[in-house]
C-alpha atoms as a PDB file:
ATOM      1  CA  MET A   1      -9.744  -3.813  19.975  1.00  0.00           C
ATOM      2  CA  PRO A   2      -6.498  -5.630  19.060  1.00  0.00           C
ATOM      3  CA  ASP A   3      -3.278  -3.670  19.277  1.00  0.00           C
ATOM      4  CA  GLN A   4      -0.909  -3.260  16.336  1.00  0.00           C
ATOM      5  CA  VAL A   5       1.037  -6.449  17.076  1.00  0.00           C
ATOM      6  CA  GLU A   6      -2.142  -8.505  17.373  1.00  0.00           C
ATOM      7  CA  ARG A   7      -3.489  -7.058  14.103  1.00  0.00           C
ATOM      8  CA  SER A   8      -0.208  -7.884  12.384  1.00  0.00           C
ATOM      9  CA  LEU A   9      -0.354 -11.465  13.661  1.00  0.00           C
ATOM     10  CA  LEU A  10      -3.997 -11.823  12.615  1.00  0.00           C
ATOM     11  CA  LEU A  11      -3.202 -10.559   9.123  1.00  0.00           C
ATOM     12  CA  HIS A  12      -0.226 -12.889   8.826  1.00  0.00           C
ATOM     13  CA  GLU A  13      -2.304 -15.866   9.980  1.00  0.00           C
ATOM     14  CA  SER A  14      -5.177 -15.131   7.603  1.00  0.00           C
ATOM     15  CA  MET A  15      -3.220 -13.926   4.549  1.00  0.00           C
ATOM     16  CA  GLY A  16       0.156 -15.581   5.054  1.00  0.00           C
ATOM     17  CA  LYS A  17       1.893 -12.213   4.703  1.00  0.00           C
ATOM     18  CA  SER A  18       3.174  -9.444   6.931  1.00  0.00           C
ATOM     19  CA  PRO A  19       1.303  -6.129   6.684  1.00  0.00           C
ATOM     20  CA  GLN A  20       4.135  -4.715   4.564  1.00  0.00           C
ATOM     21  CA  GLU A  21       4.129  -7.717   2.228  1.00  0.00           C
ATOM     22  CA  PHE A  22       0.345  -7.513   1.902  1.00  0.00           C
ATOM     23  CA  LEU A  23       0.472  -3.803   1.081  1.00  0.00           C
ATOM     24  CA  ILE A  24       3.221  -4.225  -1.511  1.00  0.00           C
ATOM     25  CA  SER A  25       1.358  -7.114  -3.129  1.00  0.00           C
ATOM     26  CA  TYR A  26      -1.903  -5.140  -3.180  1.00  0.00           C
ATOM     27  CA  ARG A  27      -0.255  -2.075  -4.734  1.00  0.00           C
ATOM     28  CA  MET A  28       1.541  -4.177  -7.349  1.00  0.00           C
ATOM     29  CA  THR A  29      -1.744  -5.873  -8.283  1.00  0.00           C
ATOM     30  CA  LYS A  30      -3.492  -2.512  -8.643  1.00  0.00           C
ATOM     31  CA  ALA A  31      -0.597  -1.065 -10.666  1.00  0.00           C
ATOM     32  CA  THR A  32      -0.679  -4.093 -12.977  1.00  0.00           C
ATOM     33  CA  GLU A  33      -4.421  -3.621 -13.483  1.00  0.00           C
ATOM     34  CA  LEU A  34      -3.921   0.065 -14.298  1.00  0.00           C
ATOM     35  CA  LEU A  35      -1.191  -0.791 -16.833  1.00  0.00           C
ATOM     36  CA  LYS A  36      -3.420  -3.360 -18.530  1.00  0.00           C
ATOM     37  CA  LEU A  37      -6.698  -1.428 -18.463  1.00  0.00           C
ATOM     38  CA  THR A  38      -5.651   2.188 -19.016  1.00  0.00           C
ATOM     39  CA  ASP A  39      -3.295   4.253 -21.124  1.00  0.00           C
ATOM     40  CA  LEU A  40      -1.478   5.531 -18.027  1.00  0.00           C
ATOM     41  CA  SER A  41       2.309   5.365 -18.080  1.00  0.00           C
ATOM     42  CA  ILE A  42       4.330   3.704 -15.346  1.00  0.00           C
ATOM     43  CA  SER A  43       5.312   7.191 -14.152  1.00  0.00           C
ATOM     44  CA  ASP A  44       1.667   8.282 -13.944  1.00  0.00           C
ATOM     45  CA  ILE A  45       0.783   5.155 -11.982  1.00  0.00           C
ATOM     46  CA  GLY A  46       3.738   5.734  -9.638  1.00  0.00           C
ATOM     47  CA  VAL A  47       2.653   9.318  -8.966  1.00  0.00           C
ATOM     48  CA  LYS A  48      -0.948   8.181  -8.451  1.00  0.00           C
ATOM     49  CA  SER A  49       0.234   5.494  -6.032  1.00  0.00           C
ATOM     50  CA  LEU A  50       2.472   7.871  -4.095  1.00  0.00           C
ATOM     51  CA  SER A  51      -0.266  10.468  -3.715  1.00  0.00           C
ATOM     52  CA  SER A  52      -2.659   7.804  -2.405  1.00  0.00           C
ATOM     53  CA  ILE A  53      -0.050   6.614   0.105  1.00  0.00           C
ATOM     54  CA  ILE A  54       0.411  10.138   1.414  1.00  0.00           C
ATOM     55  CA  SER A  55      -3.326  10.818   1.581  1.00  0.00           C
ATOM     56  CA  GLU A  56      -3.825   7.577   3.541  1.00  0.00           C
ATOM     57  CA  GLN A  57      -1.304   8.818   6.112  1.00  0.00           C
ATOM     58  CA  PRO A  58      -2.022  12.507   6.714  1.00  0.00           C
ATOM     59  CA  ASP A  59       0.634  12.749   9.447  1.00  0.00           C
ATOM     60  CA  CYS A  60       3.360  11.763   6.998  1.00  0.00           C
ATOM     61  CA  ILE A  61       5.576  14.194   5.153  1.00  0.00           C
ATOM     62  CA  THR A  62       6.706  11.360   2.882  1.00  0.00           C
ATOM     63  CA  PRO A  63       5.863   7.647   3.099  1.00  0.00           C
ATOM     64  CA  ALA A  64       9.029   7.113   5.143  1.00  0.00           C
ATOM     65  CA  ILE A  65       8.844  10.186   7.421  1.00  0.00           C
ATOM     66  CA  CYS A  66       5.815  10.066   9.690  1.00  0.00           C
ATOM     67  CA  VAL A  67       5.392  12.368  12.669  1.00  0.00           C
END
């Protein structure tokens, strides 16, 4: 099983982006789709995105403060 550095390098080689860049791009794409295909406001999409970030990282108090 590759360690975190190896996974980061593999992602960068295959996608041409760092893990952070990939995640930002993915979230922006999904937010754009939600804006185009639903009646959700930007605020609603932001809250939805934030709650999914926190649920993906259960050890995090906020996206920036992980224990």
